[in-house]
Structure formats: structure tokens, C-alpha cells
N, C-alpha and C. Protein backbone atom coordinates (compact mmCIF):
# COMPACT_ATOMS: atom_id res chain seq x y z
N MET A 1 76.71 43.90 -30.27
CA MET A 1 78.07 43.60 -29.90
C MET A 1 78.96 44.84 -29.97
N LYS A 2 78.62 45.73 -30.86
CA LYS A 2 79.44 46.92 -31.01
C LYS A 2 79.41 47.79 -29.76
N LYS A 3 78.25 47.87 -29.09
CA LYS A 3 78.14 48.68 -27.87
C LYS A 3 79.03 48.11 -26.77
N GLU A 4 79.01 46.81 -26.62
CA GLU A 4 79.84 46.18 -25.60
C GLU A 4 81.32 46.39 -25.92
N THR A 5 81.67 46.31 -27.15
CA THR A 5 83.06 46.52 -27.54
C THR A 5 83.46 47.97 -27.28
N ARG A 6 82.55 48.89 -27.58
CA ARG A 6 82.84 50.30 -27.30
C ARG A 6 83.04 50.53 -25.79
N MET A 7 82.19 49.90 -24.98
CA MET A 7 82.30 50.06 -23.53
C MET A 7 83.65 49.53 -23.05
N LYS A 8 84.05 48.39 -23.56
CA LYS A 8 85.34 47.84 -23.16
C LYS A 8 86.47 48.76 -23.61
N LEU A 9 86.37 49.28 -24.81
CA LEU A 9 87.39 50.20 -25.29
C LEU A 9 87.38 51.50 -24.49
N HIS A 10 86.19 51.94 -24.11
CA HIS A 10 86.08 53.16 -23.30
C HIS A 10 86.81 52.98 -21.97
N TRP A 11 86.62 51.86 -21.33
CA TRP A 11 87.30 51.61 -20.06
C TRP A 11 88.81 51.49 -20.27
N LYS A 12 89.18 50.90 -21.34
CA LYS A 12 90.61 50.78 -21.63
C LYS A 12 91.22 52.16 -21.88
N ASN A 13 90.49 53.01 -22.57
CA ASN A 13 90.98 54.37 -22.81
C ASN A 13 91.09 55.15 -21.50
N TRP A 14 90.17 54.91 -20.63
CA TRP A 14 90.16 55.62 -19.35
C TRP A 14 91.31 55.19 -18.46
N LEU A 15 91.76 53.96 -18.60
CA LEU A 15 92.82 53.44 -17.75
C LEU A 15 94.20 53.49 -18.40
N ASN A 16 94.34 54.14 -19.52
CA ASN A 16 95.68 54.21 -20.10
C ASN A 16 96.51 55.28 -19.38
N TYR A 17 97.77 55.32 -19.64
CA TYR A 17 98.71 56.17 -18.90
C TYR A 17 98.36 57.65 -19.01
N GLN A 18 98.05 58.13 -20.16
CA GLN A 18 97.76 59.55 -20.36
C GLN A 18 96.50 59.96 -19.59
N SER A 19 95.50 59.12 -19.59
CA SER A 19 94.27 59.45 -18.86
C SER A 19 94.52 59.49 -17.36
N VAL A 20 95.31 58.56 -16.86
CA VAL A 20 95.62 58.54 -15.43
C VAL A 20 96.41 59.79 -15.05
N VAL A 21 97.35 60.19 -15.88
CA VAL A 21 98.15 61.39 -15.61
C VAL A 21 97.26 62.63 -15.61
N LYS A 22 96.28 62.68 -16.48
CA LYS A 22 95.35 63.81 -16.51
C LYS A 22 94.50 63.87 -15.24
N GLN A 23 94.25 62.72 -14.62
CA GLN A 23 93.40 62.66 -13.43
C GLN A 23 94.15 62.91 -12.13
N ILE A 24 95.47 63.04 -12.17
CA ILE A 24 96.26 63.23 -10.95
C ILE A 24 95.81 64.45 -10.14
N PRO A 25 95.55 65.60 -10.74
CA PRO A 25 95.08 66.74 -9.93
C PRO A 25 93.78 66.42 -9.18
N PHE A 26 92.90 65.71 -9.82
CA PHE A 26 91.64 65.33 -9.16
C PHE A 26 91.91 64.39 -7.98
N PHE A 27 92.81 63.42 -8.17
CA PHE A 27 93.15 62.50 -7.07
C PHE A 27 93.83 63.25 -5.92
N LEU A 28 94.67 64.21 -6.25
CA LEU A 28 95.30 65.01 -5.21
C LEU A 28 94.25 65.83 -4.45
N PHE A 29 93.28 66.35 -5.19
CA PHE A 29 92.19 67.09 -4.55
C PHE A 29 91.42 66.18 -3.60
N LEU A 30 91.14 64.97 -4.04
CA LEU A 30 90.43 64.02 -3.17
C LEU A 30 91.27 63.67 -1.93
N ALA A 31 92.58 63.53 -2.11
CA ALA A 31 93.46 63.24 -0.98
C ALA A 31 93.46 64.41 0.01
N ALA A 32 93.50 65.64 -0.51
CA ALA A 32 93.46 66.82 0.35
C ALA A 32 92.14 66.88 1.12
N LEU A 33 91.05 66.57 0.46
CA LEU A 33 89.74 66.53 1.15
C LEU A 33 89.73 65.49 2.25
N ALA A 34 90.34 64.34 1.99
CA ALA A 34 90.40 63.29 3.01
C ALA A 34 91.21 63.76 4.22
N VAL A 35 92.33 64.43 3.98
CA VAL A 35 93.15 64.94 5.08
C VAL A 35 92.37 65.97 5.89
N VAL A 36 91.67 66.87 5.22
CA VAL A 36 90.87 67.88 5.91
C VAL A 36 89.76 67.22 6.72
N TYR A 37 89.15 66.20 6.17
CA TYR A 37 88.08 65.48 6.86
C TYR A 37 88.62 64.81 8.13
N ILE A 38 89.78 64.19 8.05
CA ILE A 38 90.39 63.53 9.21
C ILE A 38 90.77 64.57 10.26
N TYR A 39 91.36 65.68 9.81
CA TYR A 39 91.74 66.75 10.74
C TYR A 39 90.51 67.29 11.46
N ASN A 40 89.44 67.50 10.73
CA ASN A 40 88.21 68.02 11.31
C ASN A 40 87.68 67.07 12.39
N GLY A 41 87.75 65.78 12.16
CA GLY A 41 87.30 64.80 13.15
C GLY A 41 88.14 64.86 14.41
N HIS A 42 89.45 64.94 14.25
CA HIS A 42 90.34 65.03 15.42
C HIS A 42 90.12 66.34 16.18
N TYR A 43 89.93 67.42 15.44
CA TYR A 43 89.70 68.73 16.08
C TYR A 43 88.39 68.72 16.86
N ALA A 44 87.36 68.09 16.31
CA ALA A 44 86.08 68.00 17.01
C ALA A 44 86.22 67.18 18.29
N ASP A 45 86.94 66.07 18.22
CA ASP A 45 87.16 65.25 19.42
C ASP A 45 87.91 66.03 20.49
N LYS A 46 88.94 66.76 20.07
CA LYS A 46 89.72 67.56 21.01
C LYS A 46 88.85 68.63 21.66
N THR A 47 88.02 69.28 20.88
CA THR A 47 87.14 70.32 21.41
C THR A 47 86.13 69.74 22.39
N ILE A 48 85.59 68.58 22.10
CA ILE A 48 84.63 67.94 23.00
C ILE A 48 85.31 67.57 24.31
N ARG A 49 86.53 67.02 24.24
CA ARG A 49 87.26 66.68 25.47
C ARG A 49 87.56 67.93 26.30
N GLU A 50 87.96 69.00 25.64
CA GLU A 50 88.26 70.24 26.35
C GLU A 50 87.00 70.83 26.99
N THR A 51 85.89 70.77 26.29
CA THR A 51 84.62 71.26 26.85
C THR A 51 84.22 70.43 28.05
N SER A 52 84.38 69.14 27.96
CA SER A 52 84.05 68.26 29.08
C SER A 52 84.93 68.54 30.29
N ARG A 53 86.23 68.72 30.05
CA ARG A 53 87.16 69.02 31.13
C ARG A 53 86.82 70.35 31.79
N THR A 54 86.50 71.35 30.98
CA THR A 54 86.14 72.66 31.51
C THR A 54 84.85 72.60 32.30
N SER A 55 83.91 71.80 31.83
CA SER A 55 82.64 71.65 32.55
C SER A 55 82.86 71.00 33.92
N LYS A 56 83.70 69.98 33.98
CA LYS A 56 84.01 69.34 35.26
C LYS A 56 84.71 70.31 36.20
N GLU A 57 85.65 71.10 35.66
CA GLU A 57 86.36 72.07 36.48
C GLU A 57 85.40 73.14 37.02
N LEU A 58 84.47 73.57 36.18
CA LEU A 58 83.48 74.55 36.61
C LEU A 58 82.61 73.98 37.73
N GLN A 59 82.21 72.74 37.60
CA GLN A 59 81.39 72.10 38.63
C GLN A 59 82.16 72.00 39.95
N GLU A 60 83.45 71.65 39.88
CA GLU A 60 84.26 71.58 41.09
C GLU A 60 84.40 72.95 41.74
N LEU A 61 84.57 74.00 40.92
CA LEU A 61 84.67 75.35 41.47
C LEU A 61 83.36 75.79 42.10
N GLN A 62 82.23 75.38 41.53
CA GLN A 62 80.94 75.71 42.13
C GLN A 62 80.80 75.03 43.48
N TYR A 63 81.21 73.77 43.58
CA TYR A 63 81.16 73.07 44.87
C TYR A 63 82.05 73.75 45.89
N GLU A 64 83.26 74.14 45.46
CA GLU A 64 84.18 74.81 46.37
C GLU A 64 83.60 76.15 46.83
N TYR A 65 82.98 76.89 45.92
CA TYR A 65 82.36 78.18 46.26
C TYR A 65 81.28 77.98 47.32
N LYS A 66 80.44 76.99 47.12
CA LYS A 66 79.36 76.74 48.08
C LYS A 66 79.91 76.33 49.44
N THR A 67 80.97 75.54 49.45
CA THR A 67 81.58 75.12 50.71
C THR A 67 82.18 76.31 51.44
N VAL A 68 82.93 77.13 50.74
CA VAL A 68 83.56 78.30 51.36
C VAL A 68 82.50 79.28 51.84
N LYS A 69 81.47 79.47 51.05
CA LYS A 69 80.39 80.38 51.44
C LYS A 69 79.72 79.89 52.72
N GLY A 70 79.50 78.60 52.82
CA GLY A 70 78.90 78.02 54.03
C GLY A 70 79.80 78.22 55.25
N GLU A 71 81.12 78.03 55.07
CA GLU A 71 82.06 78.24 56.17
C GLU A 71 82.06 79.70 56.62
N VAL A 72 82.03 80.62 55.67
CA VAL A 72 82.03 82.04 56.02
C VAL A 72 80.75 82.39 56.78
N MET A 73 79.62 81.87 56.32
CA MET A 73 78.35 82.12 57.02
C MET A 73 78.40 81.56 58.43
N PHE A 74 78.98 80.38 58.59
CA PHE A 74 79.04 79.75 59.91
C PHE A 74 79.97 80.54 60.83
N ARG A 75 81.14 80.95 60.30
CA ARG A 75 82.12 81.66 61.13
C ARG A 75 81.70 83.09 61.44
N SER A 76 80.78 83.65 60.68
CA SER A 76 80.36 85.03 60.93
C SER A 76 79.21 85.10 61.94
N LYS A 77 78.75 83.97 62.41
CA LYS A 77 77.73 84.00 63.47
C LYS A 77 78.34 84.58 64.74
N GLN A 78 77.52 85.25 65.53
CA GLN A 78 78.02 85.93 66.73
C GLN A 78 78.69 84.95 67.68
N SER A 79 78.09 83.80 67.90
CA SER A 79 78.66 82.83 68.84
C SER A 79 80.03 82.33 68.36
N GLU A 80 80.19 82.15 67.08
CA GLU A 80 81.48 81.71 66.54
C GLU A 80 82.53 82.82 66.63
N LEU A 81 82.11 84.06 66.41
CA LEU A 81 83.04 85.18 66.53
C LEU A 81 83.55 85.32 67.96
N VAL A 82 82.66 85.14 68.93
CA VAL A 82 83.06 85.22 70.34
C VAL A 82 84.11 84.17 70.63
N GLU A 83 83.92 82.95 70.17
CA GLU A 83 84.89 81.88 70.40
C GLU A 83 86.22 82.16 69.68
N ALA A 84 86.16 82.77 68.51
CA ALA A 84 87.37 83.03 67.72
C ALA A 84 88.23 84.13 68.34
N VAL A 85 87.63 85.16 68.94
CA VAL A 85 88.41 86.27 69.48
C VAL A 85 88.73 86.11 70.96
N GLU A 86 88.18 85.11 71.60
CA GLU A 86 88.44 84.88 73.02
C GLU A 86 89.92 84.67 73.33
N PRO A 87 90.69 83.91 72.52
CA PRO A 87 92.12 83.75 72.81
C PRO A 87 92.90 85.07 72.71
N LEU A 88 92.36 86.05 72.02
CA LEU A 88 93.03 87.35 71.89
C LEU A 88 92.75 88.26 73.07
N GLY A 89 91.92 87.82 73.99
CA GLY A 89 91.60 88.62 75.16
C GLY A 89 90.41 89.53 74.97
N LEU A 90 89.71 89.42 73.87
CA LEU A 90 88.53 90.24 73.63
C LEU A 90 87.31 89.52 74.17
N LYS A 91 86.40 90.32 74.75
CA LYS A 91 85.18 89.73 75.31
C LYS A 91 83.97 90.43 74.74
N GLU A 92 82.86 89.76 74.78
CA GLU A 92 81.61 90.30 74.27
C GLU A 92 81.09 91.37 75.24
N LEU A 93 80.55 92.45 74.68
CA LEU A 93 79.97 93.51 75.51
C LEU A 93 78.71 92.99 76.21
N THR A 94 78.62 93.25 77.51
CA THR A 94 77.41 92.86 78.24
C THR A 94 76.58 94.08 78.60
N THR A 95 77.18 95.27 78.50
CA THR A 95 76.45 96.51 78.77
C THR A 95 76.25 97.26 77.48
N SER A 96 75.31 98.17 77.47
CA SER A 96 75.05 98.93 76.25
C SER A 96 76.16 99.97 76.06
N PRO A 97 76.47 100.34 74.83
CA PRO A 97 77.54 101.29 74.58
C PRO A 97 77.17 102.70 75.07
N VAL A 98 78.18 103.49 75.41
CA VAL A 98 77.99 104.86 75.86
C VAL A 98 78.00 105.77 74.64
N ILE A 99 77.05 106.71 74.58
CA ILE A 99 76.97 107.66 73.47
C ILE A 99 77.72 108.92 73.88
N LEU A 100 78.66 109.35 73.07
CA LEU A 100 79.43 110.56 73.34
C LEU A 100 78.83 111.71 72.55
N ILE A 101 78.67 112.88 73.21
CA ILE A 101 78.11 114.05 72.57
C ILE A 101 79.15 115.15 72.63
N ASP A 102 79.36 115.81 71.50
CA ASP A 102 80.30 116.92 71.44
C ASP A 102 79.60 118.19 71.91
N SER A 103 80.07 118.77 73.00
CA SER A 103 79.41 119.93 73.60
C SER A 103 79.96 121.25 73.05
N SER A 104 80.97 121.20 72.21
CA SER A 104 81.55 122.45 71.70
C SER A 104 80.73 123.06 70.58
N GLY A 105 79.78 122.33 70.03
CA GLY A 105 78.95 122.86 68.94
C GLY A 105 79.57 122.72 67.57
N ASN A 106 80.70 122.07 67.47
CA ASN A 106 81.37 121.86 66.19
C ASN A 106 81.08 120.45 65.63
N ALA A 107 79.96 119.93 66.01
CA ALA A 107 79.62 118.58 65.58
C ALA A 107 79.30 118.51 64.10
N ASP A 108 78.88 119.63 63.50
CA ASP A 108 78.52 119.64 62.09
C ASP A 108 79.75 119.64 61.17
N LYS A 109 80.85 120.09 61.67
CA LYS A 109 82.04 120.25 60.82
C LYS A 109 82.90 119.06 60.85
């Protein structure tokens, strides 16, 4: 019976005012840890959302790059160039170009 009485007294001693006041720094430490834990969770969620958003943006930019690259390849074909410059009055050469030779001998300079 003495052990049980001691245990009851031990709990009573632990819950008295002075013991609770002594434990306040520990409880504050636990509260600070809880705040840090909650902040860390929110920060991780924010980082994951930002990474996901950046990944989607990167994928959209890759699609846009491929589309623009395809358009440039299509427009740089000779037949497309002929159609594009026709309104400007330019026509495709049908004869071979003339080679000009400098007869003065200063071609090296």
C-alpha cells in the first residue's frame, strides 16, 4: 500500500503550482517546436505547388518552341519563300547567276 500511496503523492507533487511553473520553459519549447513543424508543412506544400506550376509552364514553353520551330522550318522552304516575296515584286531566278571577274588584278586586296 505504501508504494501506491507514494505514486499518488508523486503525481500530486508533479501537478502542484510550483512544479507546473518550473515546467513552463519546457512547454514553451514544445509550443515552439509545434509552430516550426506547422510552418515546415506549409512551406513544403508551397514549394510543391510552385514546382508543379513551374513544370507546367516549362512544358507549355516546350510546346510553343516546337510549334514555332515547325513554322520556321515550313516558311523557310523555297516554295514558301517564293510565295512570301511575290507581293513585293521579287521573282525566283530561272537562269544561272553571272560570275563577275575583276580584270585589274587587284582581286587579292
